[in-house]
Amino acid sequence: MQRIFTIVLNWNGKSDTLTCIESLQKQTHPTTIICVDNGSGDDSAAAIRARFPAITLIETGSNLGYAGGNNVGIRHALASDADFIFVLNNDITLEPDCIEVLANELTAHPDIDAAAPKTVFSNDPHMIYFAGGHISADGHTHHIGYGDVNKPEYEVASPTEWITGCALFARRETFERVGLFDERFFLLFEDSDWSLRARHAGCQLHYLPAARVRHAGSASFGGKRSPLYQYYRTRNSLLWIERHFSFPKCIYLGARMIADSWQRSKRLSDPGPERARMRSATVAGVRDYAMRRFGCGPPGPSFSQLS
């Protein structure tokens, strides 16, 4: 039987993480669960250890971000001779046969190097969250089917241009070939960056709708309307463009990304202090990209004001 390791990253998300692990323990194909606690400030680690003493719990001691925290788990899985590695958001719950379907599909199709299950919203399982990914010519990444009701077209397995990091299933050989997540991103774009690096390395990425998960939508970093999210989105979109587009196109796309972030700060905030914080986060993201300051956002008052 294939040795499958599933990595669940926790950062102050005790309730979601406990539910996710419980879902994993109900899988029809057994999986070794690695929970990486990313320097939580609550009692997450103690609660996870008390509820699930048999799983592997790794405490990083500090917040290494999505990329760094998951890399800790991936390294552990590789060192433990995993055949497959499943990177999973802590706000995911799985249909009981999800891992079995993914493992069987990749075993039956050796040309598939990594795969994404169908992801729907937990509060409305008839609505699609991710049914494959598309990267547009302007550098934006898109979830195919996002917000749409489930339709027959989303039941068709197909190649995908990228895989969201909320549920990424891959062979160990794929991680060995492509490498781990780029920790410069810290949060956001590390999954699309990894996906394009995989494709550049000749790997085949597929969307496999027979495997299904539900995504709740974590509140980590304050949600998608928070200044902190805006900071990482702005900074990392520029790094993403730099890494995957030719230099002449980078100038044009980078300028468009900055303009898009500026408009987003206006669109998602009300006039007043809230908009000022979003604008400050946008400026900070551009500044830190230009200064080559990646990884965790800079410490100090200028950054704490983004929270």
Protein backbone atom coordinates (compact mmCIF):
# COMPACT_ATOMS: atom_id res chain seq x y z
CA MET A 1 0.00 0.00 0.00
CA GLN A 2 1.25 3.48 -0.87
CA ARG A 3 2.70 5.52 1.96
CA ILE A 4 0.75 8.78 1.93
CA PHE A 5 1.67 11.66 4.22
CA THR A 6 -0.78 14.51 4.70
CA ILE A 7 0.51 17.85 5.98
CA VAL A 8 -1.85 20.17 7.87
CA LEU A 9 -0.48 23.58 8.77
CA ASN A 10 -1.95 25.22 11.87
CA TRP A 11 -1.63 28.84 12.93
CA ASN A 12 -4.06 29.80 15.69
CA GLY A 13 -6.72 27.72 13.96
CA LYS A 14 -7.46 25.10 16.58
CA SER A 15 -11.10 24.45 15.74
CA ASP A 16 -10.55 24.12 11.98
CA THR A 17 -7.46 21.97 12.46
CA LEU A 18 -9.15 19.54 14.81
CA THR A 19 -12.03 19.14 12.35
CA CYS A 20 -9.61 18.63 9.44
CA ILE A 21 -7.63 15.95 11.29
CA GLU A 22 -10.81 14.16 12.30
CA SER A 23 -11.81 14.11 8.62
CA LEU A 24 -8.41 12.67 7.68
CA GLN A 25 -8.76 9.88 10.21
CA LYS A 26 -11.98 8.78 8.48
CA GLN A 27 -10.31 8.25 5.09
CA THR A 28 -10.78 4.89 3.39
CA HIS A 29 -7.06 4.91 2.54
CA PRO A 30 -4.86 5.44 5.60
CA THR A 31 -2.61 8.46 5.69
CA THR A 32 0.14 9.52 8.05
CA ILE A 33 -0.86 12.91 9.42
CA ILE A 34 1.78 15.56 10.03
CA CYS A 35 0.43 18.64 11.76
CA VAL A 36 2.83 21.56 11.72
CA ASP A 37 2.03 24.19 14.34
CA ASN A 38 3.41 27.43 12.95
CA GLY A 39 4.16 29.24 16.20
CA SER A 40 0.53 29.58 17.32
CA GLY A 41 -0.15 31.97 20.18
CA ASP A 42 -3.17 30.07 21.46
CA ASP A 43 -3.42 26.56 22.92
CA SER A 44 -3.64 24.90 19.50
CA ALA A 45 -0.66 22.61 19.91
CA ALA A 46 -1.76 21.36 23.32
CA ALA A 47 -5.32 20.77 22.09
CA ILE A 48 -4.13 18.89 18.99
CA ARG A 49 -1.76 16.73 21.04
CA ALA A 50 -4.47 15.92 23.60
CA ARG A 51 -7.10 15.06 20.98
CA PHE A 52 -4.85 13.18 18.55
CA PRO A 53 -1.84 11.83 20.46
CA ALA A 54 -0.95 9.34 17.71
CA ILE A 55 -0.30 11.88 14.94
CA THR A 56 3.00 13.62 14.30
CA LEU A 57 2.92 17.18 15.67
CA ILE A 58 5.84 19.43 14.77
CA GLU A 59 6.08 22.80 16.51
CA THR A 60 8.14 25.35 14.58
CA GLY A 61 8.30 27.82 17.46
CA SER A 62 7.62 30.78 15.16
CA ASN A 63 5.43 31.70 12.23
CA LEU A 64 7.29 30.55 9.11
CA GLY A 65 4.41 31.45 6.82
CA TYR A 66 2.46 29.10 4.59
CA ALA A 67 5.52 28.26 2.51
CA GLY A 68 7.98 27.74 5.35
CA GLY A 69 5.58 25.88 7.61
CA ASN A 70 4.53 23.45 4.91
CA ASN A 71 8.15 22.94 3.90
CA VAL A 72 8.86 21.67 7.42
CA GLY A 73 6.17 19.03 6.93
CA ILE A 74 7.24 18.16 3.38
CA ARG A 75 10.84 17.61 4.49
CA HIS A 76 9.64 15.32 7.26
CA ALA A 77 7.49 13.35 4.80
CA LEU A 78 10.36 12.99 2.33
CA ALA A 79 12.70 11.82 5.08
CA SER A 80 10.06 9.27 6.13
CA ASP A 81 9.95 7.67 2.65
CA ALA A 82 6.54 8.98 1.64
CA ASP A 83 5.26 7.82 -1.75
CA PHE A 84 2.74 10.67 -1.99
CA ILE A 85 2.47 13.97 -0.13
CA PHE A 86 -0.82 15.80 0.36
CA VAL A 87 -0.55 19.48 1.35
CA LEU A 88 -3.84 20.48 2.92
CA ASN A 89 -5.23 23.69 4.40
CA ASN A 90 -6.47 23.27 7.94
CA ASP A 91 -9.93 24.54 6.95
CA ILE A 92 -10.46 21.59 4.58
CA THR A 93 -12.64 18.57 5.21
CA LEU A 94 -12.51 15.59 2.88
CA GLU A 95 -14.98 13.13 1.45
CA PRO A 96 -14.06 9.73 2.95
CA ASP A 97 -12.61 8.34 -0.30
CA CYS A 98 -10.70 11.48 -1.35
CA ILE A 99 -7.19 10.22 -0.67
CA GLU A 100 -7.96 6.78 -2.06
CA VAL A 101 -9.20 8.30 -5.32
CA LEU A 102 -6.16 10.56 -5.67
CA ALA A 103 -3.69 7.76 -4.93
CA ASN A 104 -5.43 5.33 -7.30
CA GLU A 105 -5.57 7.90 -10.10
CA LEU A 106 -1.89 8.76 -9.87
CA THR A 107 -0.96 5.10 -9.59
CA ALA A 108 -3.01 4.28 -12.69
CA HIS A 109 -1.66 7.30 -14.59
CA PRO A 110 2.11 7.60 -14.05
CA ASP A 111 2.19 10.65 -16.33
CA ILE A 112 0.31 12.70 -13.71
CA ASP A 113 2.82 14.24 -11.31
CA ALA A 114 0.52 16.31 -9.10
CA ALA A 115 -3.22 16.73 -8.79
CA ALA A 116 -5.97 18.86 -7.32
CA PRO A 117 -9.29 17.47 -6.07
CA LYS A 118 -12.57 19.23 -6.72
CA THR A 119 -12.97 21.83 -4.00
CA VAL A 120 -16.37 23.20 -3.01
CA PHE A 121 -17.44 25.60 -0.27
CA SER A 122 -18.24 24.01 3.09
CA ASN A 123 -21.27 26.21 3.64
CA ASP A 124 -22.61 25.44 0.15
CA PRO A 125 -21.26 22.17 -1.26
CA HIS A 126 -23.05 22.81 -4.55
CA MET A 127 -20.82 25.84 -5.20
CA ILE A 128 -17.37 25.47 -6.71
CA TYR A 129 -14.25 26.89 -5.07
CA PHE A 130 -11.65 25.26 -7.35
CA ALA A 131 -12.18 23.09 -10.42
CA GLY A 132 -8.76 23.59 -11.96
CA GLY A 133 -6.71 26.72 -12.43
CA HIS A 134 -6.04 29.16 -15.27
CA ILE A 135 -3.28 31.78 -15.60
CA SER A 136 -4.26 34.71 -17.78
CA ALA A 137 -1.92 36.61 -20.06
CA ASP A 138 -1.82 39.50 -17.58
CA GLY A 139 -0.35 37.25 -14.89
CA HIS A 140 -3.48 36.83 -12.77
CA THR A 141 -4.34 33.37 -11.49
CA HIS A 142 -7.94 32.19 -11.59
CA HIS A 143 -9.96 29.42 -10.00
CA ILE A 144 -11.99 27.74 -12.72
CA GLY A 145 -15.63 27.57 -11.66
CA TYR A 146 -15.20 29.80 -8.63
CA GLY A 147 -18.60 30.80 -7.26
CA ASP A 148 -20.45 28.78 -9.89
CA VAL A 149 -22.87 25.97 -9.10
CA ASN A 150 -21.60 22.48 -9.75
CA LYS A 151 -22.16 21.48 -13.38
CA PRO A 152 -21.32 18.46 -15.54
CA GLU A 153 -18.39 20.39 -17.03
CA TYR A 154 -16.73 20.41 -13.60
CA GLU A 155 -16.95 16.61 -13.42
CA VAL A 156 -14.41 16.15 -16.21
CA ALA A 157 -10.80 15.37 -15.27
CA SER A 158 -8.38 17.60 -17.15
CA PRO A 159 -4.92 19.20 -17.09
CA THR A 160 -4.69 22.33 -14.97
CA GLU A 161 -2.30 25.26 -15.29
CA TRP A 162 -1.82 25.53 -11.55
CA ILE A 163 -2.96 23.91 -8.32
CA THR A 164 -4.15 25.82 -5.28
CA GLY A 165 -2.18 25.12 -2.15
CA CYS A 166 -5.30 24.43 -0.14
CA ALA A 167 -5.27 20.86 -1.50
CA LEU A 168 -2.19 19.75 -3.47
CA PHE A 169 -1.46 16.04 -3.92
CA ALA A 170 1.88 15.07 -5.46
CA ARG A 171 4.37 12.27 -5.82
CA ARG A 172 7.52 12.43 -3.71
CA GLU A 173 9.47 12.43 -6.97
CA THR A 174 7.64 15.59 -7.99
CA PHE A 175 8.80 17.49 -4.91
CA GLU A 176 12.30 16.08 -5.37
CA ARG A 177 12.29 17.28 -8.97
CA VAL A 178 10.64 20.67 -8.48
CA GLY A 179 11.76 21.53 -4.97
CA LEU A 180 9.75 22.89 -2.07
CA PHE A 181 7.72 26.09 -1.80
CA ASP A 182 9.73 29.29 -2.22
CA GLU A 183 9.83 30.77 1.28
CA ARG A 184 10.33 34.28 -0.03
CA PHE A 185 6.59 34.36 -0.70
CA PHE A 186 5.73 33.53 2.93
CA LEU A 187 2.01 33.75 2.15
CA LEU A 188 0.22 33.91 -1.24
CA PHE A 189 1.47 32.97 -4.73
CA GLU A 190 3.74 30.21 -3.41
CA ASP A 191 1.35 27.60 -4.83
CA SER A 192 1.09 29.14 -8.30
CA ASP A 193 4.86 29.66 -8.29
CA TRP A 194 5.42 25.99 -7.39
CA SER A 195 2.94 24.93 -10.08
CA LEU A 196 4.71 26.85 -12.83
CA ARG A 197 8.09 25.59 -11.68
CA ALA A 198 6.64 22.08 -11.90
CA ARG A 199 5.38 22.67 -15.42
CA HIS A 200 8.72 24.17 -16.48
CA ALA A 201 10.32 20.96 -15.13
CA GLY A 202 8.08 18.91 -17.42
CA CYS A 203 5.57 17.83 -14.78
CA GLN A 204 1.92 17.22 -15.59
CA LEU A 205 -0.67 18.81 -13.29
CA HIS A 206 -4.25 17.56 -13.34
CA TYR A 207 -7.65 18.35 -11.86
CA LEU A 208 -9.35 15.16 -10.61
CA PRO A 209 -13.00 15.85 -9.72
CA ALA A 210 -13.71 12.32 -8.47
CA ALA A 211 -11.73 13.33 -5.38
CA ARG A 212 -13.64 15.93 -3.37
CA VAL A 213 -12.96 18.28 -0.48
CA ARG A 214 -14.80 21.14 1.20
CA HIS A 215 -13.15 24.46 1.92
CA ALA A 216 -14.35 26.65 4.77
CA GLY A 217 -12.20 29.72 4.13
CA SER A 218 -9.73 30.36 6.94
CA ALA A 219 -9.64 33.65 8.78
CA SER A 220 -5.84 33.57 9.04
CA PHE A 221 -4.20 36.99 8.52
CA GLY A 222 -7.59 38.67 8.90
CA GLY A 223 -9.15 37.55 5.63
CA LYS A 224 -8.84 38.81 2.08
CA ARG A 225 -9.97 42.35 2.92
CA SER A 226 -7.30 42.90 5.57
CA PRO A 227 -4.33 45.24 5.06
CA LEU A 228 -1.99 42.36 5.90
CA TYR A 229 -3.41 40.27 3.06
CA GLN A 230 -3.17 43.30 0.78
CA TYR A 231 0.51 43.71 1.65
CA TYR A 232 1.43 40.13 0.76
CA ARG A 233 -0.77 40.14 -2.32
CA THR A 234 0.88 43.29 -3.65
CA ARG A 235 4.48 42.33 -2.87
CA ASN A 236 4.21 38.71 -3.95
CA SER A 237 2.33 39.41 -7.17
CA LEU A 238 5.37 41.41 -8.29
CA LEU A 239 7.76 38.62 -7.32
CA TRP A 240 5.53 36.13 -9.15
CA ILE A 241 5.60 38.25 -12.31
CA GLU A 242 9.37 38.63 -12.07
CA ARG A 243 9.93 34.88 -11.78
CA HIS A 244 7.70 33.70 -14.59
CA PHE A 245 7.53 36.32 -17.31
CA SER A 246 10.18 37.74 -19.64
CA PHE A 247 11.90 40.96 -18.62
CA PRO A 248 10.15 43.27 -21.13
CA LYS A 249 6.78 41.87 -20.13
CA CYS A 250 7.64 42.15 -16.44
CA ILE A 251 7.77 45.93 -16.67
CA TYR A 252 4.32 46.14 -18.23
CA LEU A 253 2.70 43.45 -16.05
CA GLY A 254 4.33 44.78 -12.90
CA ALA A 255 2.89 48.23 -13.52
CA ARG A 256 -0.52 46.69 -14.13
CA MET A 257 -0.28 44.66 -10.92
CA ILE A 258 0.53 47.80 -8.93
CA ALA A 259 -2.41 49.64 -10.48
CA ASP A 260 -4.66 46.66 -9.79
CA SER A 261 -3.56 46.54 -6.14
CA TRP A 262 -4.20 50.25 -5.77
CA GLN A 263 -7.69 49.91 -7.20
CA ARG A 264 -8.29 46.87 -5.01
CA SER A 265 -7.42 48.89 -1.91
CA LYS A 266 -10.14 51.34 -2.87
CA ARG A 267 -12.68 48.73 -3.94
CA LEU A 268 -12.47 46.68 -0.73
CA SER A 269 -12.43 49.46 1.85
CA ASP A 270 -14.53 52.37 2.99
CA PRO A 271 -13.19 55.94 2.88
CA GLY A 272 -11.33 56.92 6.03
CA PRO A 273 -8.86 55.07 8.27
CA GLU A 274 -9.66 51.67 6.76
CA ARG A 275 -8.79 52.81 3.24
CA ALA A 276 -5.69 54.58 4.51
CA ARG A 277 -4.45 51.31 6.02
CA MET A 278 -5.13 49.45 2.80
CA ARG A 279 -3.29 52.10 0.79
CA SER A 280 -0.37 51.97 3.25
CA ALA A 281 -0.26 48.19 2.87
CA THR A 282 -0.13 48.55 -0.91
CA VAL A 283 2.71 51.05 -0.74
CA ALA A 284 4.58 48.84 1.74
CA GLY A 285 4.22 45.86 -0.58
CA VAL A 286 5.70 47.76 -3.53
CA ARG A 287 8.45 49.23 -1.38
CA ASP A 288 9.52 45.89 0.07
CA TYR A 289 9.50 44.24 -3.34
CA ALA A 290 11.77 47.01 -4.64
CA MET A 291 14.02 46.62 -1.59
CA ARG A 292 14.12 42.84 -2.10
CA ARG A 293 12.66 42.32 1.37
CA PHE A 294 10.76 39.04 1.21
CA GLY A 295 9.67 36.34 3.64
CA CYS A 296 7.81 37.56 6.70
CA GLY A 297 6.75 41.18 6.54
CA PRO A 298 9.15 43.62 8.17
CA PRO A 299 8.91 44.06 11.97
CA GLY A 300 8.33 47.33 13.67
CA PRO A 301 5.56 49.93 13.85
CA SER A 302 5.30 50.40 10.08
CA PHE A 303 4.28 46.78 9.69
CA SER A 304 2.18 46.37 12.81
CA GLN A 305 -0.05 49.15 11.55
CA LEU A 306 -1.12 46.88 8.71
CA SER A 307 -2.77 44.38 11.07
